[in-house]
Amino acid sequence: MCDEPVVLALSEPTQKSLAQIKEIFGETPVVLTRDTSWFAWDEDPQIVVSSVVRQAGYQLQGIPHTYFDRDYEWYAGLVNDDGSLSPIAP
């Protein structure tokens, strides 16, 4: 996806705003999100990236004393003219 316009959806966009973004870019942007409920999809999206990230709490001196794992699942779609999304298969 090099040289492709990308929309990183960290908050819920409207279909209208996605359609406007596509119009402004003059190309079809790719939307990346972790929340599929924010969008109207033409079909059910599949997970394109799934990972577990370990994060630790530590002080400047010493080794980490606590850690926790977070599961991340990312979905991707192409913006249609009406602002809905067509999923990108993994």
N, C-alpha and C. Protein backbone atom coordinates (compact mmCIF):
# COMPACT_ATOMS: atom_id res chain seq x y z
N MET A 1 0.81 -1.18 0.00
CA MET A 1 0.00 0.00 0.00
C MET A 1 0.86 1.25 0.00
N CYS A 2 2.01 1.19 -0.57
CA CYS A 2 2.85 2.38 -0.66
C CYS A 2 2.20 3.40 -1.58
N ASP A 3 2.39 4.64 -1.27
CA ASP A 3 1.87 5.75 -2.07
C ASP A 3 0.35 5.74 -2.20
N GLU A 4 -0.35 5.15 -1.24
CA GLU A 4 -1.81 5.16 -1.21
C GLU A 4 -2.27 6.06 -0.07
N PRO A 5 -3.32 6.85 -0.31
CA PRO A 5 -3.84 7.64 0.80
C PRO A 5 -4.47 6.72 1.85
N VAL A 6 -4.19 6.99 3.12
CA VAL A 6 -4.68 6.15 4.21
C VAL A 6 -5.40 7.02 5.24
N VAL A 7 -6.54 6.52 5.71
CA VAL A 7 -7.28 7.17 6.79
C VAL A 7 -7.17 6.26 8.00
N LEU A 8 -6.53 6.71 9.06
CA LEU A 8 -6.43 5.96 10.30
C LEU A 8 -7.59 6.39 11.18
N ALA A 9 -8.57 5.50 11.35
CA ALA A 9 -9.79 5.85 12.07
C ALA A 9 -9.65 5.50 13.55
N LEU A 10 -9.27 6.50 14.34
CA LEU A 10 -9.17 6.33 15.79
C LEU A 10 -10.42 6.82 16.49
N SER A 11 -11.28 7.51 15.75
CA SER A 11 -12.60 7.90 16.25
C SER A 11 -13.57 7.71 15.08
N GLU A 12 -14.85 7.71 15.41
CA GLU A 12 -15.87 7.34 14.43
C GLU A 12 -16.11 8.44 13.39
N PRO A 13 -15.75 8.19 12.12
CA PRO A 13 -16.04 9.16 11.06
C PRO A 13 -17.45 8.92 10.52
N THR A 14 -18.01 9.92 9.86
CA THR A 14 -19.31 9.73 9.21
C THR A 14 -19.09 9.25 7.78
N GLN A 15 -20.14 8.64 7.20
CA GLN A 15 -20.04 8.24 5.80
C GLN A 15 -19.80 9.46 4.92
N LYS A 16 -20.45 10.57 5.27
CA LYS A 16 -20.30 11.80 4.48
C LYS A 16 -18.85 12.27 4.51
N SER A 17 -18.21 12.24 5.69
CA SER A 17 -16.82 12.71 5.77
C SER A 17 -15.89 11.79 4.98
N LEU A 18 -16.15 10.48 4.98
CA LEU A 18 -15.32 9.56 4.19
C LEU A 18 -15.49 9.83 2.70
N ALA A 19 -16.73 10.08 2.27
CA ALA A 19 -16.97 10.40 0.86
C ALA A 19 -16.25 11.70 0.47
N GLN A 20 -16.25 12.68 1.37
CA GLN A 20 -15.55 13.94 1.11
C GLN A 20 -14.04 13.74 1.04
N ILE A 21 -13.51 12.90 1.92
CA ILE A 21 -12.07 12.61 1.89
C ILE A 21 -11.69 11.99 0.55
N LYS A 22 -12.50 11.05 0.09
CA LYS A 22 -12.23 10.42 -1.21
C LYS A 22 -12.24 11.45 -2.33
N GLU A 23 -13.21 12.34 -2.28
CA GLU A 23 -13.31 13.38 -3.30
C GLU A 23 -12.10 14.31 -3.26
N ILE A 24 -11.68 14.72 -2.07
CA ILE A 24 -10.54 15.63 -1.92
C ILE A 24 -9.25 14.96 -2.39
N PHE A 25 -9.04 13.68 -1.99
CA PHE A 25 -7.82 12.97 -2.42
C PHE A 25 -7.80 12.74 -3.92
N GLY A 26 -9.00 12.58 -4.52
CA GLY A 26 -9.05 12.25 -5.94
C GLY A 26 -8.67 10.79 -6.19
N GLU A 27 -8.55 10.03 -5.14
CA GLU A 27 -8.22 8.60 -5.19
C GLU A 27 -9.04 7.89 -4.13
N THR A 28 -9.01 6.58 -4.16
CA THR A 28 -9.73 5.80 -3.16
C THR A 28 -8.82 5.54 -1.97
N PRO A 29 -9.11 6.16 -0.81
CA PRO A 29 -8.26 5.92 0.35
C PRO A 29 -8.55 4.58 1.01
N VAL A 30 -7.55 4.09 1.71
CA VAL A 30 -7.68 2.89 2.52
C VAL A 30 -7.97 3.34 3.95
N VAL A 31 -8.97 2.74 4.59
CA VAL A 31 -9.30 3.04 5.98
C VAL A 31 -8.79 1.90 6.86
N LEU A 32 -8.05 2.23 7.92
CA LEU A 32 -7.60 1.26 8.90
C LEU A 32 -8.32 1.53 10.21
N THR A 33 -8.87 0.48 10.81
CA THR A 33 -9.62 0.66 12.05
C THR A 33 -9.59 -0.61 12.89
N ARG A 34 -9.84 -0.44 14.18
CA ARG A 34 -10.01 -1.59 15.07
C ARG A 34 -11.48 -1.78 15.42
N ASP A 35 -12.34 -0.83 15.04
CA ASP A 35 -13.76 -0.92 15.38
C ASP A 35 -14.61 -0.96 14.11
N THR A 36 -15.10 -2.14 13.76
CA THR A 36 -15.88 -2.30 12.52
C THR A 36 -17.28 -1.69 12.62
N SER A 37 -17.76 -1.47 13.83
CA SER A 37 -19.12 -0.96 14.00
C SER A 37 -19.26 0.50 13.58
N TRP A 38 -18.17 1.20 13.38
CA TRP A 38 -18.21 2.60 12.97
C TRP A 38 -18.58 2.80 11.51
N PHE A 39 -18.57 1.73 10.72
CA PHE A 39 -18.67 1.86 9.27
C PHE A 39 -19.80 1.02 8.70
N ALA A 40 -20.30 1.45 7.53
CA ALA A 40 -21.22 0.64 6.73
C ALA A 40 -20.33 -0.13 5.76
N TRP A 41 -20.33 -1.45 5.85
CA TRP A 41 -19.50 -2.31 5.00
C TRP A 41 -20.40 -2.98 3.96
N ASP A 42 -19.87 -3.20 2.72
CA ASP A 42 -20.67 -3.94 1.74
C ASP A 42 -20.73 -5.43 2.08
N GLU A 43 -19.75 -5.92 2.83
CA GLU A 43 -19.75 -7.29 3.33
C GLU A 43 -18.92 -7.33 4.61
N ASP A 44 -19.03 -8.41 5.34
CA ASP A 44 -18.32 -8.49 6.62
C ASP A 44 -16.81 -8.44 6.41
N PRO A 45 -16.13 -7.53 7.13
CA PRO A 45 -14.67 -7.44 6.98
C PRO A 45 -13.96 -8.57 7.73
N GLN A 46 -12.77 -8.89 7.26
CA GLN A 46 -11.92 -9.87 7.93
C GLN A 46 -10.76 -9.14 8.59
N ILE A 47 -10.21 -9.75 9.60
CA ILE A 47 -9.02 -9.19 10.26
C ILE A 47 -7.86 -9.23 9.28
N VAL A 48 -7.18 -8.09 9.09
CA VAL A 48 -6.02 -8.07 8.20
C VAL A 48 -4.71 -8.15 8.98
N VAL A 49 -4.73 -7.69 10.23
CA VAL A 49 -3.55 -7.80 11.09
C VAL A 49 -4.02 -8.11 12.51
N SER A 50 -3.43 -9.12 13.11
CA SER A 50 -3.73 -9.48 14.49
C SER A 50 -2.40 -9.62 15.22
N SER A 51 -2.31 -9.02 16.40
CA SER A 51 -1.04 -9.11 17.13
C SER A 51 -1.27 -8.96 18.62
N VAL A 52 -0.30 -9.40 19.38
CA VAL A 52 -0.29 -9.22 20.82
C VAL A 52 0.93 -8.35 21.14
N VAL A 53 0.68 -7.26 21.86
CA VAL A 53 1.75 -6.35 22.22
C VAL A 53 1.93 -6.40 23.73
N ARG A 54 3.14 -6.65 24.17
CA ARG A 54 3.45 -6.66 25.61
C ARG A 54 3.95 -5.28 26.00
N GLN A 55 3.30 -4.71 27.01
CA GLN A 55 3.70 -3.40 27.51
C GLN A 55 4.10 -3.56 28.97
N ALA A 56 5.08 -2.79 29.38
CA ALA A 56 5.59 -2.92 30.75
C ALA A 56 5.62 -1.56 31.43
N GLY A 57 5.39 -1.60 32.75
CA GLY A 57 5.57 -0.42 33.57
C GLY A 57 6.91 -0.53 34.28
N TYR A 58 7.70 0.51 34.21
CA TYR A 58 9.03 0.43 34.83
C TYR A 58 9.47 1.80 35.30
N GLN A 59 10.50 1.79 36.11
CA GLN A 59 11.14 3.01 36.55
C GLN A 59 12.42 3.20 35.77
N LEU A 60 12.99 4.37 35.85
CA LEU A 60 14.24 4.60 35.12
C LEU A 60 15.35 3.68 35.60
N GLN A 61 15.26 3.25 36.84
CA GLN A 61 16.25 2.32 37.36
C GLN A 61 15.56 0.99 37.60
N GLY A 62 16.19 -0.06 37.23
CA GLY A 62 15.64 -1.38 37.52
C GLY A 62 14.90 -1.99 36.35
N ILE A 63 14.45 -3.19 36.58
CA ILE A 63 13.75 -3.95 35.55
C ILE A 63 12.24 -3.69 35.65
N PRO A 64 11.50 -3.98 34.59
CA PRO A 64 10.05 -3.79 34.65
C PRO A 64 9.45 -4.60 35.80
N HIS A 65 8.51 -3.98 36.51
CA HIS A 65 7.90 -4.68 37.63
C HIS A 65 6.49 -5.17 37.31
N THR A 66 5.88 -4.62 36.30
CA THR A 66 4.57 -5.10 35.86
C THR A 66 4.54 -5.10 34.33
N TYR A 67 3.74 -5.99 33.79
CA TYR A 67 3.53 -5.96 32.35
C TYR A 67 2.13 -6.48 32.06
N PHE A 68 1.65 -6.15 30.89
CA PHE A 68 0.36 -6.66 30.44
C PHE A 68 0.40 -6.81 28.93
N ASP A 69 -0.38 -7.75 28.44
CA ASP A 69 -0.47 -7.99 27.01
C ASP A 69 -1.77 -7.40 26.48
N ARG A 70 -1.70 -6.82 25.30
CA ARG A 70 -2.89 -6.29 24.63
C ARG A 70 -3.02 -6.96 23.28
N ASP A 71 -4.21 -7.42 22.99
CA ASP A 71 -4.51 -8.00 21.69
C ASP A 71 -5.03 -6.91 20.77
N TYR A 72 -4.50 -6.85 19.57
CA TYR A 72 -4.94 -5.87 18.58
C TYR A 72 -5.41 -6.60 17.33
N GLU A 73 -6.56 -6.18 16.81
CA GLU A 73 -7.07 -6.69 15.55
C GLU A 73 -7.42 -5.49 14.68
N TRP A 74 -6.83 -5.43 13.51
CA TRP A 74 -7.05 -4.31 12.59
C TRP A 74 -7.80 -4.79 11.36
N TYR A 75 -8.68 -3.93 10.88
CA TYR A 75 -9.47 -4.18 9.68
C TYR A 75 -9.16 -3.08 8.67
N ALA A 76 -9.33 -3.39 7.38
CA ALA A 76 -9.05 -2.40 6.34
C ALA A 76 -10.14 -2.44 5.28
N GLY A 77 -10.43 -1.26 4.73
CA GLY A 77 -11.42 -1.17 3.67
C GLY A 77 -11.14 -0.02 2.74
N LEU A 78 -11.69 -0.12 1.54
CA LEU A 78 -11.59 0.95 0.55
C LEU A 78 -12.87 1.76 0.59
N VAL A 79 -12.73 3.08 0.53
CA VAL A 79 -13.89 3.96 0.60
C VAL A 79 -14.62 3.98 -0.74
N ASN A 80 -15.92 3.71 -0.69
CA ASN A 80 -16.78 3.80 -1.88
C ASN A 80 -17.27 5.24 -2.05
N ASP A 81 -17.86 5.57 -3.18
CA ASP A 81 -18.31 6.94 -3.46
C ASP A 81 -19.29 7.45 -2.40
N ASP A 82 -20.10 6.55 -1.83
CA ASP A 82 -21.10 6.98 -0.83
C ASP A 82 -20.54 6.99 0.60
N GLY A 83 -19.26 6.69 0.77
CA GLY A 83 -18.64 6.70 2.09
C GLY A 83 -18.70 5.36 2.82
N SER A 84 -19.33 4.37 2.22
CA SER A 84 -19.31 3.02 2.80
C SER A 84 -17.95 2.40 2.48
N LEU A 85 -17.68 1.23 3.05
CA LEU A 85 -16.39 0.58 2.83
C LEU A 85 -16.53 -0.79 2.18
N SER A 86 -15.59 -1.10 1.31
CA SER A 86 -15.43 -2.45 0.76
C SER A 86 -14.22 -3.06 1.45
N PRO A 87 -14.40 -4.17 2.16
CA PRO A 87 -13.29 -4.74 2.92
C PRO A 87 -12.14 -5.19 2.03
N ILE A 88 -10.95 -5.09 2.58
CA ILE A 88 -9.74 -5.62 1.94
C ILE A 88 -9.47 -6.96 2.60
N ALA A 89 -9.38 -8.00 1.81
CA ALA A 89 -9.11 -9.33 2.36
C ALA A 89 -7.62 -9.46 2.68
N PRO A 90 -7.33 -10.22 3.73
CA PRO A 90 -5.91 -10.38 4.11
C PRO A 90 -5.12 -11.15 3.06
